[in-house]
Amino acid sequence: MRKIVSGLFISLDGIIEDANNWIGPWFDPELGQAVGSMIAAQDAMLLGRVTYYEFAAHWPQQTGEMADTMNGTAKYVVSGTLESADWQNSTLIRGDAAAEIAELKQRPGKNIGMTGSATLVAWLLREGLLDELHLLVFPVVLGSGKRLFATPGDKLPLRLIDSATFQTGVVHLTYAKA
């Protein structure tokens, strides 16, 4: 069975919003290699509506190896409001998303990767569908912004399965369902 694996940049105080605006001082080749390893282990992406909009507006206009990977990878977009998902290799998941995602996990292939899509990540954790959560914790306190777990009652026991500390002070924590 395929795994759904999420990788998120997060501040010490749990903020995941607008990470591209604050990760710069800590993003180095070591962190890039960790992110690249996660991408290399996947052959599909699962995206929420907001992340899909951002990626679909950005990646088709880019060139290079990362753009080729992002554009060429199969993408599954979970949304109750989108009418279509027109970015290359995109499929819209509507209706019973939990059942469709569970069926997607049964198909042969590599990991189904996620980046961003925090609302979808939290929902998948609550539904028991997310297999690994990679948190790349940056040594910064932002004070405000969207948190990964902001819904009252979000009590989700997880089990730490791996950790690494990078030279820049970023900590890579990998969790699985408890």
N, C-alpha and C. Protein backbone atom coordinates (compact mmCIF):
# COMPACT_ATOMS: atom_id res chain seq x y z
N MET A 1 0.84 -1.17 0.00
CA MET A 1 0.00 0.00 0.00
C MET A 1 0.89 1.24 0.00
N ARG A 2 0.48 2.24 -0.79
CA ARG A 2 1.20 3.50 -0.84
C ARG A 2 0.98 4.28 0.46
N LYS A 3 1.94 5.15 0.76
CA LYS A 3 1.80 6.01 1.92
C LYS A 3 1.53 7.44 1.46
N ILE A 4 0.76 8.15 2.26
CA ILE A 4 0.61 9.59 2.08
C ILE A 4 1.58 10.23 3.06
N VAL A 5 2.49 11.05 2.51
CA VAL A 5 3.57 11.66 3.28
C VAL A 5 3.51 13.17 3.09
N SER A 6 3.36 13.87 4.20
CA SER A 6 3.30 15.33 4.17
C SER A 6 4.59 15.93 4.69
N GLY A 7 5.08 16.96 4.03
CA GLY A 7 6.24 17.71 4.50
C GLY A 7 5.86 19.17 4.63
N LEU A 8 6.06 19.73 5.83
CA LEU A 8 5.68 21.12 6.08
C LEU A 8 6.80 21.89 6.76
N PHE A 9 6.96 23.14 6.35
CA PHE A 9 7.83 24.07 7.05
C PHE A 9 6.99 24.71 8.16
N ILE A 10 7.54 24.73 9.36
CA ILE A 10 6.78 25.24 10.50
C ILE A 10 7.71 26.00 11.44
N SER A 11 7.22 27.08 12.03
CA SER A 11 8.01 27.86 12.98
C SER A 11 7.92 27.21 14.36
N LEU A 12 8.75 27.66 15.29
CA LEU A 12 8.72 27.13 16.65
C LEU A 12 7.36 27.31 17.32
N ASP A 13 6.64 28.37 16.93
CA ASP A 13 5.33 28.60 17.53
C ASP A 13 4.18 28.05 16.67
N GLY A 14 4.52 27.14 15.75
CA GLY A 14 3.48 26.40 15.03
C GLY A 14 2.90 27.06 13.80
N ILE A 15 3.52 28.13 13.32
CA ILE A 15 3.01 28.85 12.15
C ILE A 15 3.50 28.17 10.87
N ILE A 16 2.58 27.97 9.93
CA ILE A 16 2.93 27.37 8.64
C ILE A 16 2.64 28.31 7.48
N GLU A 17 2.01 29.42 7.75
CA GLU A 17 1.58 30.35 6.72
C GLU A 17 2.76 31.13 6.12
N ASP A 18 2.71 31.31 4.79
CA ASP A 18 3.69 32.13 4.07
C ASP A 18 5.13 31.75 4.36
N ALA A 19 5.41 30.45 4.42
CA ALA A 19 6.75 29.98 4.77
C ALA A 19 7.82 30.55 3.84
N ASN A 20 7.51 30.72 2.57
CA ASN A 20 8.51 31.26 1.64
C ASN A 20 9.00 32.64 2.05
N ASN A 21 8.24 33.34 2.89
CA ASN A 21 8.64 34.67 3.34
C ASN A 21 9.56 34.64 4.54
N TRP A 22 9.72 33.50 5.21
CA TRP A 22 10.54 33.48 6.42
C TRP A 22 11.57 32.35 6.50
N ILE A 23 11.61 31.42 5.55
CA ILE A 23 12.55 30.31 5.63
C ILE A 23 13.94 30.64 5.09
N GLY A 24 14.05 31.70 4.33
CA GLY A 24 15.27 32.03 3.60
C GLY A 24 16.57 31.90 4.36
N PRO A 25 16.72 32.50 5.54
CA PRO A 25 18.01 32.44 6.24
C PRO A 25 18.43 31.03 6.63
N TRP A 26 17.51 30.09 6.67
CA TRP A 26 17.81 28.74 7.14
C TRP A 26 17.78 27.69 6.03
N PHE A 27 17.37 28.09 4.83
CA PHE A 27 17.29 27.12 3.74
C PHE A 27 18.66 26.98 3.10
N ASP A 28 19.29 25.82 3.28
CA ASP A 28 20.63 25.58 2.76
C ASP A 28 20.64 24.26 1.98
N PRO A 29 21.75 23.87 1.40
CA PRO A 29 21.80 22.61 0.64
C PRO A 29 21.40 21.39 1.44
N GLU A 30 21.72 21.35 2.74
CA GLU A 30 21.35 20.21 3.57
C GLU A 30 19.83 20.07 3.66
N LEU A 31 19.15 21.18 3.87
CA LEU A 31 17.69 21.17 3.92
C LEU A 31 17.13 20.87 2.54
N GLY A 32 17.74 21.43 1.51
CA GLY A 32 17.31 21.15 0.14
C GLY A 32 17.40 19.67 -0.19
N GLN A 33 18.44 19.01 0.31
CA GLN A 33 18.60 17.58 0.08
C GLN A 33 17.50 16.79 0.78
N ALA A 34 17.13 17.19 1.99
CA ALA A 34 16.05 16.51 2.72
C ALA A 34 14.73 16.64 1.97
N VAL A 35 14.44 17.84 1.49
CA VAL A 35 13.21 18.07 0.72
C VAL A 35 13.27 17.27 -0.58
N GLY A 36 14.43 17.29 -1.25
CA GLY A 36 14.60 16.53 -2.49
C GLY A 36 14.40 15.04 -2.30
N SER A 37 14.83 14.51 -1.17
CA SER A 37 14.64 13.08 -0.88
C SER A 37 13.16 12.74 -0.75
N MET A 38 12.41 13.63 -0.12
CA MET A 38 10.96 13.39 0.00
C MET A 38 10.30 13.41 -1.38
N ILE A 39 10.70 14.36 -2.21
CA ILE A 39 10.12 14.47 -3.55
C ILE A 39 10.49 13.26 -4.38
N ALA A 40 11.73 12.78 -4.27
CA ALA A 40 12.18 11.61 -5.04
C ALA A 40 11.44 10.34 -4.66
N ALA A 41 10.92 10.29 -3.44
CA ALA A 41 10.22 9.09 -2.96
C ALA A 41 8.74 9.08 -3.34
N GLN A 42 8.28 10.08 -4.08
CA GLN A 42 6.86 10.16 -4.45
C GLN A 42 6.70 10.14 -5.96
N ASP A 43 5.53 9.68 -6.38
CA ASP A 43 5.19 9.77 -7.81
C ASP A 43 3.82 10.41 -8.02
N ALA A 44 3.28 10.97 -6.94
CA ALA A 44 1.99 11.67 -7.01
C ALA A 44 1.96 12.70 -5.89
N MET A 45 1.12 13.73 -6.07
CA MET A 45 0.93 14.75 -5.04
C MET A 45 -0.54 14.85 -4.71
N LEU A 46 -0.83 15.10 -3.45
CA LEU A 46 -2.18 15.36 -2.98
C LEU A 46 -2.20 16.80 -2.50
N LEU A 47 -3.11 17.59 -3.04
CA LEU A 47 -3.14 19.02 -2.76
C LEU A 47 -4.54 19.47 -2.38
N GLY A 48 -4.59 20.45 -1.50
CA GLY A 48 -5.84 21.16 -1.23
C GLY A 48 -6.01 22.27 -2.25
N ARG A 49 -7.17 22.90 -2.21
CA ARG A 49 -7.51 23.93 -3.19
C ARG A 49 -6.54 25.11 -3.19
N VAL A 50 -6.22 25.63 -2.02
CA VAL A 50 -5.37 26.83 -1.94
C VAL A 50 -3.97 26.54 -2.47
N THR A 51 -3.36 25.44 -2.02
CA THR A 51 -2.03 25.09 -2.51
C THR A 51 -2.06 24.80 -4.00
N TYR A 52 -3.12 24.14 -4.46
CA TYR A 52 -3.26 23.88 -5.89
C TYR A 52 -3.26 25.20 -6.67
N TYR A 53 -4.05 26.17 -6.25
CA TYR A 53 -4.07 27.48 -6.93
C TYR A 53 -2.68 28.09 -6.99
N GLU A 54 -1.97 28.07 -5.86
CA GLU A 54 -0.64 28.68 -5.81
C GLU A 54 0.33 27.96 -6.75
N PHE A 55 0.34 26.63 -6.68
CA PHE A 55 1.25 25.85 -7.52
C PHE A 55 0.90 25.96 -9.00
N ALA A 56 -0.39 25.88 -9.31
CA ALA A 56 -0.83 25.93 -10.71
C ALA A 56 -0.54 27.29 -11.34
N ALA A 57 -0.49 28.33 -10.53
CA ALA A 57 -0.15 29.66 -11.04
C ALA A 57 1.36 29.83 -11.21
N HIS A 58 2.14 29.08 -10.45
CA HIS A 58 3.60 29.25 -10.45
C HIS A 58 4.34 28.28 -11.37
N TRP A 59 4.15 26.97 -11.17
CA TRP A 59 5.02 25.98 -11.80
C TRP A 59 4.92 25.88 -13.31
N PRO A 60 3.77 26.05 -13.93
CA PRO A 60 3.75 25.95 -15.40
C PRO A 60 4.60 27.02 -16.10
N GLN A 61 4.89 28.13 -15.42
CA GLN A 61 5.70 29.19 -16.01
C GLN A 61 7.19 29.02 -15.72
N GLN A 62 7.57 27.98 -14.98
CA GLN A 62 8.96 27.78 -14.60
C GLN A 62 9.63 26.76 -15.52
N THR A 63 10.95 26.76 -15.51
CA THR A 63 11.73 25.78 -16.26
C THR A 63 12.74 25.13 -15.33
N GLY A 64 13.28 24.02 -15.76
CA GLY A 64 14.30 23.34 -14.98
C GLY A 64 13.77 22.03 -14.41
N GLU A 65 14.67 21.33 -13.71
CA GLU A 65 14.36 20.00 -13.20
C GLU A 65 13.19 20.01 -12.22
N MET A 66 13.17 20.96 -11.27
CA MET A 66 12.09 21.00 -10.30
C MET A 66 10.76 21.32 -10.99
N ALA A 67 10.76 22.23 -11.92
CA ALA A 67 9.54 22.55 -12.66
C ALA A 67 9.05 21.34 -13.44
N ASP A 68 9.98 20.63 -14.08
CA ASP A 68 9.60 19.42 -14.82
C ASP A 68 8.96 18.39 -13.89
N THR A 69 9.54 18.24 -12.70
CA THR A 69 9.00 17.29 -11.72
C THR A 69 7.61 17.73 -11.27
N MET A 70 7.47 18.97 -10.88
CA MET A 70 6.18 19.47 -10.38
C MET A 70 5.10 19.40 -11.46
N ASN A 71 5.45 19.78 -12.67
CA ASN A 71 4.47 19.77 -13.75
C ASN A 71 4.14 18.36 -14.22
N GLY A 72 5.12 17.46 -14.20
CA GLY A 72 4.92 16.12 -14.73
C GLY A 72 4.31 15.13 -13.77
N THR A 73 4.36 15.42 -12.47
CA THR A 73 3.84 14.50 -11.46
C THR A 73 2.32 14.49 -11.47
N ALA A 74 1.75 13.31 -11.23
CA ALA A 74 0.29 13.19 -11.09
C ALA A 74 -0.13 13.97 -9.84
N LYS A 75 -1.18 14.78 -9.99
CA LYS A 75 -1.66 15.61 -8.90
C LYS A 75 -3.14 15.29 -8.64
N TYR A 76 -3.49 15.12 -7.37
CA TYR A 76 -4.87 14.88 -6.96
C TYR A 76 -5.27 16.04 -6.07
N VAL A 77 -6.33 16.73 -6.45
CA VAL A 77 -6.74 17.96 -5.79
C VAL A 77 -8.05 17.73 -5.06
N VAL A 78 -8.05 17.92 -3.75
CA VAL A 78 -9.24 17.75 -2.94
C VAL A 78 -9.91 19.11 -2.78
N SER A 79 -11.13 19.20 -3.29
CA SER A 79 -11.87 20.47 -3.18
C SER A 79 -13.36 20.23 -3.39
N GLY A 80 -14.14 20.88 -2.58
CA GLY A 80 -15.59 20.85 -2.76
C GLY A 80 -16.09 22.03 -3.57
N THR A 81 -15.19 22.96 -3.92
CA THR A 81 -15.62 24.16 -4.63
C THR A 81 -15.05 24.29 -6.04
N LEU A 82 -13.89 23.69 -6.30
CA LEU A 82 -13.31 23.78 -7.65
C LEU A 82 -14.20 23.06 -8.66
N GLU A 83 -14.33 23.64 -9.82
CA GLU A 83 -15.08 23.01 -10.90
C GLU A 83 -14.17 22.17 -11.80
N SER A 84 -12.89 22.57 -11.87
CA SER A 84 -11.95 21.83 -12.70
C SER A 84 -10.54 22.02 -12.14
N ALA A 85 -9.65 21.12 -12.52
CA ALA A 85 -8.24 21.20 -12.16
C ALA A 85 -7.46 21.04 -13.46
N ASP A 86 -7.10 22.15 -14.08
CA ASP A 86 -6.56 22.15 -15.44
C ASP A 86 -5.04 22.09 -15.54
N TRP A 87 -4.34 22.19 -14.43
CA TRP A 87 -2.88 22.09 -14.46
C TRP A 87 -2.54 20.68 -14.91
N GLN A 88 -1.52 20.57 -15.73
CA GLN A 88 -1.07 19.30 -16.31
C GLN A 88 -1.09 18.17 -15.27
N ASN A 89 -1.66 17.01 -15.65
CA ASN A 89 -1.70 15.79 -14.83
C ASN A 89 -2.47 15.95 -13.53
N SER A 90 -3.49 16.81 -13.51
CA SER A 90 -4.28 17.03 -12.29
C SER A 90 -5.64 16.35 -12.39
N THR A 91 -6.05 15.77 -11.27
CA THR A 91 -7.36 15.12 -11.16
C THR A 91 -8.05 15.70 -9.94
N LEU A 92 -9.29 16.09 -10.11
CA LEU A 92 -10.07 16.68 -9.03
C LEU A 92 -10.77 15.58 -8.23
N ILE A 93 -10.63 15.63 -6.91
CA ILE A 93 -11.32 14.70 -6.01
C ILE A 93 -12.46 15.49 -5.37
N ARG A 94 -13.69 15.05 -5.63
CA ARG A 94 -14.88 15.68 -5.06
C ARG A 94 -15.74 14.59 -4.45
N GLY A 95 -16.70 14.97 -3.68
CA GLY A 95 -17.60 13.96 -3.11
C GLY A 95 -16.99 13.31 -1.88
N ASP A 96 -16.97 12.00 -1.85
CA ASP A 96 -16.45 11.26 -0.70
C ASP A 96 -14.92 11.19 -0.79
N ALA A 97 -14.28 12.26 -0.35
CA ALA A 97 -12.83 12.38 -0.48
C ALA A 97 -12.11 11.28 0.30
N ALA A 98 -12.59 10.93 1.48
CA ALA A 98 -11.92 9.90 2.28
C ALA A 98 -11.89 8.58 1.53
N ALA A 99 -12.99 8.20 0.92
CA ALA A 99 -13.04 6.94 0.18
C ALA A 99 -12.15 6.99 -1.05
N GLU A 100 -12.17 8.10 -1.77
CA GLU A 100 -11.33 8.22 -2.97
C GLU A 100 -9.84 8.20 -2.62
N ILE A 101 -9.47 8.86 -1.51
CA ILE A 101 -8.07 8.88 -1.09
C ILE A 101 -7.65 7.50 -0.62
N ALA A 102 -8.52 6.82 0.12
CA ALA A 102 -8.20 5.45 0.56
C ALA A 102 -7.99 4.54 -0.65
N GLU A 103 -8.80 4.71 -1.70
CA GLU A 103 -8.65 3.91 -2.92
C GLU A 103 -7.35 4.27 -3.63
N LEU A 104 -7.00 5.54 -3.64
CA LEU A 104 -5.77 6.00 -4.27
C LEU A 104 -4.55 5.36 -3.59
N LYS A 105 -4.61 5.20 -2.28
CA LYS A 105 -3.51 4.58 -1.54
C LYS A 105 -3.34 3.10 -1.92
N GLN A 106 -4.40 2.48 -2.41
CA GLN A 106 -4.35 1.06 -2.77
C GLN A 106 -3.69 0.83 -4.13
N ARG A 107 -3.61 1.86 -4.94
CA ARG A 107 -3.00 1.72 -6.26
C ARG A 107 -1.49 1.51 -6.13
N PRO A 108 -0.89 0.84 -7.10
CA PRO A 108 0.57 0.66 -7.05
C PRO A 108 1.29 1.99 -7.28
N GLY A 109 2.47 2.09 -6.71
CA GLY A 109 3.27 3.29 -6.93
C GLY A 109 4.07 3.66 -5.72
N LYS A 110 4.74 4.80 -5.82
CA LYS A 110 5.55 5.33 -4.73
C LYS A 110 4.65 6.12 -3.78
N ASN A 111 5.26 6.87 -2.88
CA ASN A 111 4.50 7.69 -1.94
C ASN A 111 3.66 8.72 -2.67
N ILE A 112 2.60 9.14 -2.01
CA ILE A 112 1.79 10.27 -2.43
C ILE A 112 2.22 11.42 -1.53
N GLY A 113 2.90 12.40 -2.11
CA GLY A 113 3.47 13.48 -1.32
C GLY A 113 2.53 14.65 -1.16
N MET A 114 2.74 15.38 -0.08
CA MET A 114 1.98 16.60 0.18
C MET A 114 2.95 17.68 0.64
N THR A 115 2.69 18.88 0.21
CA THR A 115 3.37 20.04 0.74
C THR A 115 2.32 21.13 0.85
N GLY A 116 2.41 21.94 1.88
CA GLY A 116 1.34 22.91 2.11
C GLY A 116 0.05 22.18 2.43
N SER A 117 -1.07 22.76 2.04
CA SER A 117 -2.38 22.13 2.23
C SER A 117 -2.62 21.75 3.68
N ALA A 118 -2.36 22.68 4.60
CA ALA A 118 -2.43 22.41 6.03
C ALA A 118 -3.83 21.95 6.46
N THR A 119 -4.86 22.54 5.92
CA THR A 119 -6.22 22.13 6.28
C THR A 119 -6.44 20.68 5.90
N LEU A 120 -5.98 20.30 4.71
CA LEU A 120 -6.11 18.92 4.25
C LEU A 120 -5.25 17.99 5.09
N VAL A 121 -4.05 18.39 5.45
CA VAL A 121 -3.17 17.57 6.29
C VAL A 121 -3.85 17.27 7.62
N ALA A 122 -4.38 18.30 8.28
CA ALA A 122 -5.04 18.10 9.58
C ALA A 122 -6.25 17.18 9.43
N TRP A 123 -7.02 17.34 8.36
CA TRP A 123 -8.18 16.48 8.12
C TRP A 123 -7.74 15.03 7.89
N LEU A 124 -6.70 14.84 7.07
CA LEU A 124 -6.20 13.48 6.82
C LEU A 124 -5.71 12.81 8.10
N LEU A 125 -5.07 13.57 8.97
CA LEU A 125 -4.64 13.03 10.26
C LEU A 125 -5.86 12.58 11.08
N ARG A 126 -6.88 13.44 11.15
CA ARG A 126 -8.09 13.08 11.91
C ARG A 126 -8.78 11.86 11.31
N GLU A 127 -8.71 11.69 9.99
CA GLU A 127 -9.35 10.57 9.31
C GLU A 127 -8.49 9.30 9.33
N GLY A 128 -7.25 9.41 9.81
CA GLY A 128 -6.36 8.26 9.85
C GLY A 128 -5.77 7.90 8.50
N LEU A 129 -5.75 8.84 7.56
CA LEU A 129 -5.26 8.58 6.21
C LEU A 129 -3.83 9.05 5.97
N LEU A 130 -3.32 9.94 6.81
CA LEU A 130 -1.94 10.43 6.63
C LEU A 130 -0.99 9.46 7.33
N ASP A 131 -0.01 8.96 6.59
CA ASP A 131 0.90 7.96 7.13
C ASP A 131 2.14 8.55 7.79
N GLU A 132 2.68 9.62 7.22
CA GLU A 132 3.86 10.27 7.80
C GLU A 132 3.70 11.78 7.71
N LEU A 133 4.10 12.44 8.79
CA LEU A 133 4.11 13.89 8.86
C LEU A 133 5.54 14.33 9.13
N HIS A 134 6.15 14.99 8.14
CA HIS A 134 7.50 15.53 8.26
C HIS A 134 7.37 17.01 8.59
N LEU A 135 7.79 17.37 9.79
CA LEU A 135 7.80 18.78 10.18
C LEU A 135 9.23 19.27 10.16
N LEU A 136 9.49 20.27 9.33
CA LEU A 136 10.78 20.92 9.28
C LEU A 136 10.64 22.19 10.11
N VAL A 137 11.11 22.10 11.36
CA VAL A 137 10.90 23.14 12.36
C VAL A 137 12.04 24.15 12.28
N PHE A 138 11.67 25.40 11.99
CA PHE A 138 12.65 26.48 11.82
C PHE A 138 12.82 27.23 13.14
N PRO A 139 14.04 27.64 13.46
CA PRO A 139 14.31 28.31 14.74
C PRO A 139 13.91 29.78 14.72
N VAL A 140 12.61 30.00 14.60
CA VAL A 140 12.08 31.36 14.58
C VAL A 140 10.68 31.34 15.20
N VAL A 141 10.38 32.40 15.95
CA VAL A 141 9.04 32.60 16.49
C VAL A 141 8.42 33.74 15.69
N LEU A 142 7.28 33.47 15.07
CA LEU A 142 6.65 34.46 14.20
C LEU A 142 5.56 35.27 14.90
N GLY A 143 4.96 34.71 15.93
CA GLY A 143 3.97 35.47 16.71
C GLY A 143 2.55 35.41 16.20
N SER A 144 2.38 35.34 14.89
CA SER A 144 1.02 35.27 14.36
C SER A 144 1.05 34.63 12.98
N GLY A 145 -0.10 34.14 12.58
CA GLY A 145 -0.25 33.48 11.29
C GLY A 145 -1.02 32.18 11.45
N LYS A 146 -1.26 31.54 10.33
CA LYS A 146 -2.03 30.29 10.35
C LYS A 146 -1.20 29.18 10.98
N ARG A 147 -1.83 28.47 11.89
CA ARG A 147 -1.20 27.35 12.58
C ARG A 147 -1.64 26.05 11.93
N LEU A 148 -0.79 25.04 12.01
CA LEU A 148 -1.15 23.74 11.47
C LEU A 148 -2.34 23.16 12.21
N PHE A 149 -2.33 23.23 13.52
CA PHE A 149 -3.44 22.70 14.32
C PHE A 149 -4.08 23.84 15.08
N ALA A 150 -5.14 24.39 14.52
CA ALA A 150 -5.80 25.54 15.12
C ALA A 150 -7.24 25.23 15.50
N THR A 151 -7.73 24.06 15.14
CA THR A 151 -9.11 23.71 15.42
C THR A 151 -9.23 23.21 16.86
N PRO A 152 -10.14 23.78 17.65
CA PRO A 152 -10.33 23.27 19.01
C PRO A 152 -10.66 21.77 18.96
N GLY A 153 -10.07 21.05 19.88
CA GLY A 153 -10.33 19.61 19.94
C GLY A 153 -9.37 18.79 19.11
N ASP A 154 -8.43 19.43 18.43
CA ASP A 154 -7.44 18.68 17.65
C ASP A 154 -6.46 18.00 18.60
N LYS A 155 -6.83 16.82 19.06
CA LYS A 155 -5.91 16.03 19.88
C LYS A 155 -5.61 14.78 19.08
N LEU A 156 -4.42 14.75 18.50
CA LEU A 156 -4.04 13.69 17.59
C LEU A 156 -2.72 13.07 18.06
N PRO A 157 -2.77 11.93 18.71
CA PRO A 157 -1.53 11.31 19.16
C PRO A 157 -0.70 10.83 17.98
N LEU A 158 0.59 11.16 18.01
CA LEU A 158 1.52 10.76 16.96
C LEU A 158 2.72 10.08 17.61
N ARG A 159 3.48 9.37 16.80
CA ARG A 159 4.67 8.66 17.26
C ARG A 159 5.87 9.17 16.47
N LEU A 160 6.90 9.64 17.16
CA LEU A 160 8.12 10.10 16.51
C LEU A 160 8.87 8.89 15.96
N ILE A 161 9.13 8.90 14.64
CA ILE A 161 9.84 7.77 14.03
C ILE A 161 11.24 8.14 13.55
N ASP A 162 11.54 9.44 13.47
CA ASP A 162 12.88 9.85 13.07
C ASP A 162 13.06 11.34 13.39
N SER A 163 14.30 11.73 13.56
CA SER A 163 14.61 13.15 13.76
C SER A 163 16.03 13.42 13.29
N ALA A 164 16.24 14.64 12.86
CA ALA A 164 17.57 15.08 12.44
C ALA A 164 17.68 16.58 12.70
N THR A 165 18.87 17.01 13.07
CA THR A 165 19.13 18.44 13.27
C THR A 165 20.11 18.88 12.21
N PHE A 166 19.77 19.96 11.52
CA PHE A 166 20.63 20.48 10.47
C PHE A 166 21.55 21.57 11.03
N GLN A 167 22.61 21.86 10.30
CA GLN A 167 23.60 22.85 10.74
C GLN A 167 22.98 24.22 11.02
N THR A 168 21.91 24.56 10.31
CA THR A 168 21.29 25.88 10.47
C THR A 168 20.38 25.96 11.69
N GLY A 169 20.17 24.83 12.38
CA GLY A 169 19.26 24.81 13.53
C GLY A 169 17.88 24.32 13.19
N VAL A 170 17.60 24.05 11.93
CA VAL A 170 16.31 23.47 11.54
C VAL A 170 16.31 22.02 12.02
N VAL A 171 15.19 21.60 12.57
CA VAL A 171 15.02 20.23 13.05
C VAL A 171 13.97 19.55 12.18
N HIS A 172 14.33 18.36 11.68
CA HIS A 172 13.43 17.55 10.84
C HIS A 172 12.85 16.46 11.71
N LEU A 173 11.56 16.57 12.04
CA LEU A 173 10.87 15.59 12.85
C LEU A 173 9.91 14.80 11.97
N THR A 174 9.96 13.49 12.06
CA THR A 174 9.08 12.63 11.27
C THR A 174 8.18 11.86 12.21
N TYR A 175 6.88 12.03 12.02
CA TYR A 175 5.88 11.38 12.85
C TYR A 175 5.02 10.43 12.03
N ALA A 176 4.51 9.41 12.71
CA ALA A 176 3.54 8.48 12.13
C ALA A 176 2.36 8.40 13.09
N LYS A 177 1.30 7.75 12.64
CA LYS A 177 0.15 7.55 13.52
C LYS A 177 0.59 6.78 14.75
N ALA A 178 0.05 7.14 15.90
CA ALA A 178 0.38 6.45 17.16
C ALA A 178 -0.32 5.09 17.22
